[in-house]
Each structure stands twice: as C-alpha cells, then as structure tokens.
C-alpha cells in the first residue's frame, strides 16, 4: 500500500483519535496529503503531510471552510472519509429533544454536510467512505437509541448516494466497525464490560482503529474499483 495514494488529497473527519486518527495515519503512510478534521483540532505530526482543522459538523459554513482547507493543503480532493461523531448512552426515557438533535446533527447531518460540501471538488476516480457502526446493523449495546438511529441513517445515506452518483465515477461505500478498542468506547464502558464484549466476539478481541483504517484505505483504493454501495462489516464476526 506504500505510495498508493501519492499525490492525492484525502479528507478525514473525526481524526482527533481512535478510528479516525488511525485512518488519517494509514493514508499518510500510503503517501497521501491528508487533512484531519474534528470538533477539536487534531494534533499535528512533525514532518507529516498532515493538515489539521477544527470544524462544526452541524454548520454548513464551517463544513465549506473545512473542505477549503483540505483543497488548500493538497491542491485537490480525491478521498473523503466521514467519521466525526459523538456518543451518548442516555436511554429513551431520559432523553431530551435537545440531546437527540445534537447527536443526530453531528453524527448524521454532519456526514451529509461533509459529503455535500466536498462533492463539487470530487471527480471521476473519487471515493467517499462513510463510517457507520455495528449499531447500524442491529443496535448499540452501550449507546442510546439516538446513536443507533444515526448509524442506521448513515448506511441509508451511503446506499442512496451510491445510486445517485452512479455514472459519475465517484464511488461510495460504508464501513461498519464492531465494538472498538478506542477512547470513545472506554468512556462508556468498564474494563470488565469490554472483556465481556470481547469474549463474545468470534475473534475474542475488540476491533482496533487499524483494523478499520486498513479497510477504509482498501475501499478508497484501486483494488476496490468495482465496489460501490457496499456495506462492509469489520466486527470480528459479531452479528
């Protein structure tokens, strides 16, 4: 994979940690000029072809500015990975409309706005990879209903766009990670809960950021040229 994305511009949202950070690093290793964006500005890396930016996923203006930063950094835009999200374990009985709207706004509306802002700058050969979750395949065992709904919506967004963009040469695919070994997961689970979840997975371990990042770079690359509208599980066999 070394050099596969040399000369290409890649935008990764949610790049401040976990899967998003691992994805940005994987594209850097493959030679891309990467812009990593998140609600808080990701840490820069000395000597890396990485630009970092903070953005508001719910703001159309902020999204346009983020895409502009990516174009200024790389001079072009070839790959967009939407991963920016927030989590919440609030059950429906305790859920306020304000919290519902905030999570749906960041997780689902945010991905839509990123793609909408980037589309005019993607040409034939461009690739969009949307990160959903195993929660979008069934339900979340640790997050609340608003999180699950957003993850289902991201799969719907990807599948619809795959049809809408047919014939443009821009491919759209969706990745559904299984329970991850990431800071976001650590915030809502105990070590014992994570051990229990891992024990229920056929691979007997949680999903790493690298597991997902390498799937995303594959989907964005030439080897996946005939994959369009796919929903790819990276979950250690947990269904």
Protein backbone atom coordinates (compact mmCIF):
# COMPACT_ATOMS: atom_id res chain seq x y z
CA UNK A 1 0.00 0.00 0.00
CA UNK A 2 3.03 2.29 0.36
CA UNK A 3 2.75 5.11 -2.16
CA UNK A 4 -0.69 4.05 -3.42
CA UNK A 5 -2.18 7.45 -2.62
CA UNK A 6 0.87 9.52 -3.52
CA UNK A 7 -0.17 12.90 -4.91
CA UNK A 8 -3.76 12.53 -3.75
CA UNK A 9 -5.74 14.67 -1.36
CA UNK A 10 -7.63 12.98 1.47
CA UNK A 11 -10.04 14.48 4.00
CA UNK A 12 -10.77 12.53 7.19
CA UNK A 13 -13.27 13.86 9.72
CA UNK A 14 -13.18 12.61 13.30
CA UNK A 15 -9.39 12.42 13.06
CA UNK A 16 -8.54 13.50 16.60
CA UNK A 17 -8.48 9.96 17.98
CA UNK A 18 -9.50 6.33 17.67
CA UNK A 19 -10.54 5.06 14.24
CA UNK A 20 -10.37 8.48 12.60
CA UNK A 21 -6.81 9.08 13.74
CA UNK A 22 -5.75 5.59 12.63
CA UNK A 23 -7.34 6.24 9.24
CA UNK A 24 -5.52 9.54 8.76
CA UNK A 25 -2.25 7.82 9.68
CA UNK A 26 -2.89 4.96 7.23
CA UNK A 27 -3.43 7.39 4.35
CA UNK A 28 -0.30 9.30 5.32
CA UNK A 29 1.69 6.06 5.21
CA UNK A 30 0.27 5.45 1.74
CA UNK A 31 1.62 8.79 0.53
CA UNK A 32 -1.49 10.99 0.63
CA UNK A 33 -1.71 14.64 1.63
CA UNK A 34 -4.21 14.36 4.46
CA UNK A 35 -6.42 16.91 6.17
CA UNK A 36 -7.65 15.66 9.53
CA UNK A 37 -10.66 17.46 10.99
CA UNK A 38 -12.60 17.11 14.21
CA UNK A 39 -14.71 19.07 16.67
CA UNK A 40 -11.42 19.91 18.36
CA UNK A 41 -8.34 20.33 16.21
CA UNK A 42 -6.36 17.08 15.93
CA UNK A 43 -2.72 17.09 16.95
CA UNK A 44 -0.26 17.81 14.16
CA UNK A 45 2.57 15.43 13.29
CA UNK A 46 6.06 16.78 12.67
CA UNK A 47 7.23 16.12 9.16
CA UNK A 48 3.94 14.56 8.03
CA UNK A 49 1.85 15.73 5.08
CA UNK A 50 -0.97 16.36 7.52
CA UNK A 51 -3.05 19.49 7.94
CA UNK A 52 -5.39 19.71 10.91
CA UNK A 53 -8.52 21.79 11.40
CA UNK A 54 -11.35 22.16 13.90
CA UNK A 55 -14.87 22.35 12.48
CA UNK A 56 -18.52 22.36 13.48
CA UNK A 57 -20.21 19.37 11.77
CA UNK A 58 -23.64 20.99 12.09
CA UNK A 59 -22.61 24.22 10.31
CA UNK A 60 -22.73 24.37 6.54
CA UNK A 61 -20.33 27.33 6.55
CA UNK A 62 -17.84 25.51 8.78
CA UNK A 63 -18.04 22.45 6.54
CA UNK A 64 -17.28 24.52 3.43
CA UNK A 65 -14.33 26.12 5.21
CA UNK A 66 -13.02 22.69 6.20
CA UNK A 67 -13.19 21.45 2.61
CA UNK A 68 -11.47 24.65 1.51
CA UNK A 69 -8.65 23.92 3.96
CA UNK A 70 -8.28 20.42 2.52
CA UNK A 71 -8.09 21.81 -1.02
CA UNK A 72 -5.55 24.45 0.01
CA UNK A 73 -3.40 21.78 1.65
CA UNK A 74 -3.37 19.17 -1.10
CA UNK A 75 -4.40 21.17 -4.17
CA UNK A 76 -7.03 18.55 -4.94
CA UNK A 77 -9.55 16.25 -3.24
CA UNK A 78 -9.75 12.57 -4.09
CA UNK A 79 -10.99 10.79 -0.96
CA UNK A 80 -13.46 11.83 1.74
CA UNK A 81 -13.87 9.77 4.91
CA UNK A 82 -16.68 10.81 7.25
CA UNK A 83 -16.09 9.64 10.80
CA UNK A 84 -16.80 12.63 13.09
CA UNK A 85 -19.30 11.67 15.78
CA UNK A 86 -20.31 11.96 19.41
CA UNK A 87 -21.66 9.19 21.61
CA UNK A 88 -24.27 9.11 24.33
CA UNK A 89 -25.60 6.27 26.48
CA UNK A 90 -28.79 8.10 27.55
CA UNK A 91 -31.83 5.77 27.38
CA UNK A 92 -35.01 6.94 25.67
CA UNK A 93 -36.87 7.57 28.95
CA UNK A 94 -34.26 10.14 29.97
CA UNK A 95 -33.50 11.56 26.54
CA UNK A 96 -34.22 15.23 25.91
CA UNK A 97 -35.05 16.57 22.48
CA UNK A 98 -32.01 18.83 22.73
CA UNK A 99 -29.68 15.84 23.22
CA UNK A 100 -31.40 13.89 20.44
CA UNK A 101 -31.00 16.78 17.99
CA UNK A 102 -27.37 17.40 18.94
CA UNK A 103 -26.28 13.81 18.37
CA UNK A 104 -28.28 13.37 15.16
CA UNK A 105 -26.97 16.73 13.99
CA UNK A 106 -23.31 15.87 14.50
CA UNK A 107 -23.39 12.20 13.53
CA UNK A 108 -25.83 12.13 10.60
CA UNK A 109 -26.40 15.68 9.39
CA UNK A 110 -22.67 16.28 9.81
CA UNK A 111 -21.72 13.44 7.46
CA UNK A 112 -24.27 14.64 4.90
CA UNK A 113 -22.88 18.20 5.01
CA UNK A 114 -19.29 16.98 4.66
CA UNK A 115 -20.17 15.00 1.55
CA UNK A 116 -22.33 17.78 0.10
CA UNK A 117 -19.54 20.30 0.62
CA UNK A 118 -16.92 18.01 -0.91
CA UNK A 119 -18.85 16.71 -3.92
CA UNK A 120 -18.21 19.66 -6.25
CA UNK A 121 -14.47 19.02 -5.84
CA UNK A 122 -14.51 15.26 -6.40
CA UNK A 123 -14.12 13.96 -9.92
CA UNK A 124 -14.12 10.58 -11.61
CA UNK A 125 -12.00 8.24 -9.56
CA UNK A 126 -13.01 9.96 -6.33
CA UNK A 127 -14.07 7.91 -3.33
CA UNK A 128 -16.32 8.52 -0.34
CA UNK A 129 -16.20 6.20 2.65
CA UNK A 130 -18.83 6.66 5.36
CA UNK A 131 -18.18 5.19 8.78
CA UNK A 132 -21.30 3.77 10.39
CA UNK A 133 -21.20 1.06 13.08
CA UNK A 134 -22.37 -2.40 14.05
CA UNK A 135 -25.13 -0.36 15.72
CA UNK A 136 -26.39 0.46 12.22
CA UNK A 137 -26.74 -3.25 11.53
CA UNK A 138 -28.66 -4.16 14.71
CA UNK A 139 -28.49 -1.89 17.80
CA UNK A 140 -25.92 -0.43 20.16
CA UNK A 141 -25.36 -2.39 23.35
CA UNK A 142 -23.65 0.56 25.06
CA UNK A 143 -25.09 3.73 23.45
CA UNK A 144 -28.59 5.19 23.40
CA UNK A 145 -31.34 4.98 20.74
CA UNK A 146 -30.35 8.26 19.08
CA UNK A 147 -26.88 6.83 18.40
CA UNK A 148 -28.37 3.70 16.82
CA UNK A 149 -30.76 5.75 14.67
CA UNK A 150 -27.91 7.92 13.39
CA UNK A 151 -25.85 4.85 12.50
CA UNK A 152 -28.75 3.33 10.56
CA UNK A 153 -29.15 6.64 8.77
CA UNK A 154 -25.53 6.67 7.66
CA UNK A 155 -25.99 3.32 5.94
CA UNK A 156 -29.07 4.69 4.20
CA UNK A 157 -27.15 7.78 3.15
CA UNK A 158 -24.38 5.69 1.64
CA UNK A 159 -26.68 3.36 -0.23
CA UNK A 160 -28.76 6.21 -1.62
CA UNK A 161 -25.70 8.19 -2.74
CA UNK A 162 -24.27 5.14 -4.47
CA UNK A 163 -27.33 5.19 -6.74
CA UNK A 164 -27.49 8.98 -7.04
CA UNK A 165 -23.83 9.19 -8.09
CA UNK A 166 -23.95 6.24 -10.49
CA UNK A 167 -22.10 7.04 -13.69
CA UNK A 168 -20.07 9.89 -12.21
CA UNK A 169 -17.02 7.76 -11.45
CA UNK A 170 -17.31 8.65 -7.75
CA UNK A 171 -17.66 5.58 -5.56
CA UNK A 172 -19.44 5.48 -2.18
CA UNK A 173 -19.07 2.72 0.39
CA UNK A 174 -19.89 2.28 4.08
CA UNK A 175 -17.85 0.67 6.84
CA UNK A 176 -19.46 -0.77 9.99
CA UNK A 177 -16.91 -1.32 12.76
CA UNK A 178 -17.70 -3.72 15.57
CA UNK A 179 -17.19 -2.84 19.24
CA UNK A 180 -13.96 -0.83 19.12
CA UNK A 181 -10.98 -0.59 21.43
CA UNK A 182 -10.95 3.22 21.28
CA UNK A 183 -11.15 6.14 23.72
CA UNK A 184 -14.82 6.66 22.88
CA UNK A 185 -15.57 3.10 23.93
CA UNK A 186 -13.53 3.45 27.12
CA UNK A 187 -15.63 6.45 28.16
CA UNK A 188 -18.90 4.47 28.26
CA UNK A 189 -17.73 1.03 29.42
CA UNK A 190 -15.73 -0.52 32.22
CA UNK A 191 -12.75 -2.77 31.65
CA UNK A 192 -14.87 -5.73 32.73
CA UNK A 193 -17.60 -4.85 30.22
CA UNK A 194 -15.03 -4.64 27.44
CA UNK A 195 -13.60 -8.04 28.38
CA UNK A 196 -17.12 -9.49 28.28
CA UNK A 197 -17.83 -7.97 24.87
CA UNK A 198 -14.52 -9.24 23.50
CA UNK A 199 -15.24 -12.73 24.83
CA UNK A 200 -18.49 -12.77 22.83
CA UNK A 201 -16.69 -11.92 19.59
CA UNK A 202 -15.51 -14.87 17.47
CA UNK A 203 -12.06 -13.28 17.19
CA UNK A 204 -12.02 -12.84 21.00
CA UNK A 205 -10.85 -9.21 20.83
CA UNK A 206 -12.23 -5.75 20.24
CA UNK A 207 -11.86 -4.01 16.90
CA UNK A 208 -8.78 -1.78 16.64
CA UNK A 209 -8.54 1.50 14.82
CA UNK A 210 -6.03 -0.08 12.48
CA UNK A 211 -8.47 -2.89 11.60
CA UNK A 212 -10.92 -0.30 10.32
CA UNK A 213 -8.35 2.07 8.82
CA UNK A 214 -6.92 -0.60 6.55
CA UNK A 215 -10.42 -1.50 5.35
CA UNK A 216 -11.12 2.16 4.59
CA UNK A 217 -7.90 2.63 2.61
CA UNK A 218 -8.70 -0.54 0.67
CA UNK A 219 -12.19 0.73 -0.20
CA UNK A 220 -10.78 4.09 -1.30
CA UNK A 221 -8.11 2.49 -3.46
CA UNK A 222 -7.83 0.99 -6.91
CA UNK A 223 -8.15 -2.61 -5.70
CA UNK A 224 -11.76 -1.83 -4.70
CA UNK A 225 -12.58 -0.15 -8.03
CA UNK A 226 -15.68 -2.31 -8.57
CA UNK A 227 -17.04 -1.84 -5.04
CA UNK A 228 -19.80 0.77 -4.94
CA UNK A 229 -22.70 0.93 -2.48
CA UNK A 230 -21.15 -1.81 -0.33
CA UNK A 231 -21.67 -2.01 3.43
CA UNK A 232 -18.58 -3.68 4.87
CA UNK A 233 -18.53 -5.16 8.38
CA UNK A 234 -15.30 -5.01 10.39
CA UNK A 235 -16.57 -6.59 13.58
CA UNK A 236 -14.65 -9.76 14.31
CA UNK A 237 -17.66 -11.85 13.29
CA UNK A 238 -20.08 -10.39 15.86
CA UNK A 239 -23.63 -10.27 14.50
